[in-house]
Amino acid sequence: MTHDGLTRALRDLNDDWSQTAADGVPLPPQWRRICPALHGVEQLSGLLDAVRADPDAVLLALLRLHRQGDVLAGRAVLQAMLGKVVRMAVRDADHDFADYLAALWERIATYPVDRRPNSVAANLALDSLKA
């Protein structure tokens, strides 16, 4: 993928998230029920700050929700990991941004939440890198 392609794909993903998590869009109530770290988050726009504040708790909850069929939860994990994916793709001469996105999406779908509850963001990133 060219630099322009990466920029376009990244812009599209960020634009999609901006629309999905626009101000006023409420955080799904079931997310707060299963993740105490989200109790103070009222809007979807505050989710990424919650991930930064308590990444393991929030990412694990979102991964569990995604496993139960909540596609938005998986998309939120992807958005939270997007910066890391860009950095990995830019440094890799053999694989492009699309390769890393695909690898990350696969890891989001298959992450072993019960077996690996710590360092979730790092594990997702390293597993994507290995793939």
Protein backbone atom coordinates (compact mmCIF):
# COMPACT_ATOMS: atom_id res chain seq x y z
CA MET A 1 0.00 0.00 0.00
CA THR A 2 1.36 3.38 -0.93
CA HIS A 3 1.65 6.21 1.53
CA ASP A 4 -1.41 7.76 -0.13
CA GLY A 5 -3.27 4.47 0.25
CA LEU A 6 -2.40 4.27 3.91
CA THR A 7 -3.46 7.86 4.44
CA ARG A 8 -6.75 7.30 2.63
CA ALA A 9 -7.53 4.06 4.51
CA LEU A 10 -6.62 5.64 7.83
CA ARG A 11 -8.71 8.72 7.08
CA ASP A 12 -11.67 6.50 6.11
CA LEU A 13 -11.42 4.52 9.34
CA ASN A 14 -11.11 7.66 11.44
CA ASP A 15 -14.02 9.32 9.59
CA ASP A 16 -16.13 6.22 10.15
CA TRP A 17 -15.31 6.26 13.87
CA SER A 18 -16.04 10.00 14.10
CA GLN A 19 -19.49 9.38 12.67
CA THR A 20 -20.10 6.26 14.74
CA ALA A 21 -18.98 7.91 17.98
CA ALA A 22 -20.27 11.42 17.28
CA ASP A 23 -21.05 13.61 20.27
CA GLY A 24 -24.33 12.59 21.80
CA VAL A 25 -24.19 8.94 20.74
CA PRO A 26 -24.69 7.01 23.99
CA LEU A 27 -22.41 4.23 25.09
CA PRO A 28 -24.36 0.97 24.85
CA PRO A 29 -25.72 0.34 28.38
CA GLN A 30 -24.69 -3.33 28.35
CA TRP A 31 -21.05 -2.23 27.99
CA ARG A 32 -21.24 -0.43 31.34
CA ARG A 33 -22.94 -3.43 32.93
CA ILE A 34 -20.08 -5.79 32.10
CA CYS A 35 -17.20 -3.33 32.55
CA PRO A 36 -16.96 -1.29 35.75
CA ALA A 37 -14.22 0.84 34.15
CA LEU A 38 -16.92 2.25 31.85
CA HIS A 39 -19.39 3.29 34.56
CA GLY A 40 -18.58 6.98 34.19
CA VAL A 41 -18.62 6.92 30.40
CA GLU A 42 -21.94 8.14 29.03
CA GLN A 43 -21.09 8.64 25.36
CA LEU A 44 -19.32 6.47 22.84
CA SER A 45 -17.02 9.43 22.17
CA GLY A 46 -15.49 8.91 25.63
CA LEU A 47 -14.62 5.27 25.06
CA LEU A 48 -11.06 5.74 23.79
CA ASP A 49 -10.19 7.81 26.87
CA ALA A 50 -11.50 4.94 29.00
CA VAL A 51 -9.31 2.51 27.07
CA ARG A 52 -6.26 4.68 27.80
CA ALA A 53 -7.21 4.90 31.49
CA ASP A 54 -7.73 1.15 32.03
CA PRO A 55 -6.75 -0.70 28.86
CA ASP A 56 -6.91 -4.28 30.10
CA ALA A 57 -10.35 -3.98 31.68
CA VAL A 58 -11.94 -2.09 28.80
CA LEU A 59 -10.32 -4.03 25.96
CA LEU A 60 -11.16 -7.39 27.57
CA ALA A 61 -14.77 -6.34 28.00
CA LEU A 62 -14.99 -5.18 24.40
CA LEU A 63 -13.37 -8.38 23.15
CA ARG A 64 -15.89 -10.45 25.13
CA LEU A 65 -18.76 -8.39 23.73
CA HIS A 66 -17.42 -8.84 20.22
CA ARG A 67 -17.30 -12.61 20.76
CA GLN A 68 -20.98 -12.45 21.67
CA GLY A 69 -21.78 -10.79 18.35
CA ASP A 70 -21.37 -7.09 19.15
CA VAL A 71 -19.58 -5.87 16.03
CA LEU A 72 -19.37 -2.31 17.37
CA ALA A 73 -17.32 -3.56 20.32
CA GLY A 74 -14.83 -5.14 17.92
CA ARG A 75 -14.75 -1.96 15.86
CA ALA A 76 -13.99 -0.01 19.03
CA VAL A 77 -11.01 -2.27 19.77
CA LEU A 78 -9.79 -1.74 16.21
CA GLN A 79 -10.05 2.02 16.65
CA ALA A 80 -8.22 1.89 19.97
CA MET A 81 -5.38 -0.06 18.33
CA LEU A 82 -5.26 1.93 15.10
CA GLY A 83 -2.28 4.12 16.00
CA LYS A 84 -0.15 1.11 16.85
CA VAL A 85 -1.15 -0.63 13.63
CA VAL A 86 -0.12 2.41 11.61
CA ARG A 87 3.28 2.56 13.34
CA MET A 88 3.90 -1.14 12.69
CA ALA A 89 2.86 -0.91 9.04
CA VAL A 90 5.02 2.13 8.35
CA ARG A 91 8.10 0.31 9.67
CA ASP A 92 7.45 -2.87 7.67
CA ALA A 93 8.79 -2.99 4.11
CA ASP A 94 7.16 -6.35 3.40
CA HIS A 95 3.60 -5.82 4.64
CA ASP A 96 1.21 -2.94 4.33
CA PHE A 97 -1.47 -1.33 6.43
CA ALA A 98 -4.19 -3.59 5.01
CA ASP A 99 -2.21 -6.66 6.06
CA TYR A 100 -1.95 -5.36 9.60
CA LEU A 101 -5.63 -4.42 9.73
CA ALA A 102 -6.60 -7.91 8.61
CA ALA A 103 -4.27 -9.51 11.16
CA LEU A 104 -5.61 -7.29 13.94
CA TRP A 105 -9.24 -7.99 13.03
CA GLU A 106 -8.51 -11.73 13.16
CA ARG A 107 -6.88 -11.33 16.59
CA ILE A 108 -9.87 -9.31 17.82
CA ALA A 109 -12.13 -12.19 16.81
CA THR A 110 -9.96 -14.90 18.33
CA TYR A 111 -8.19 -13.31 21.29
CA PRO A 112 -8.11 -15.75 24.26
CA VAL A 113 -9.66 -13.43 26.85
CA ASP A 114 -9.66 -15.97 29.68
CA ARG A 115 -6.10 -17.11 29.11
CA ARG A 116 -4.46 -13.71 28.45
CA PRO A 117 -6.14 -11.02 30.58
CA ASN A 118 -3.05 -8.85 31.04
CA SER A 119 -1.24 -6.56 28.60
CA VAL A 120 -4.10 -6.94 26.14
CA ALA A 121 -3.08 -4.09 23.83
CA ALA A 122 0.51 -5.31 23.67
CA ASN A 123 -0.64 -8.87 23.02
CA LEU A 124 -2.98 -7.78 20.24
CA ALA A 125 -0.19 -5.74 18.65
CA LEU A 126 2.45 -8.48 18.92
CA ASP A 127 0.07 -11.16 17.70
CA SER A 128 -0.79 -8.97 14.70
CA LEU A 129 2.89 -8.41 14.04
CA LYS A 130 3.59 -12.15 14.14
CA ALA A 131 0.70 -12.89 11.79
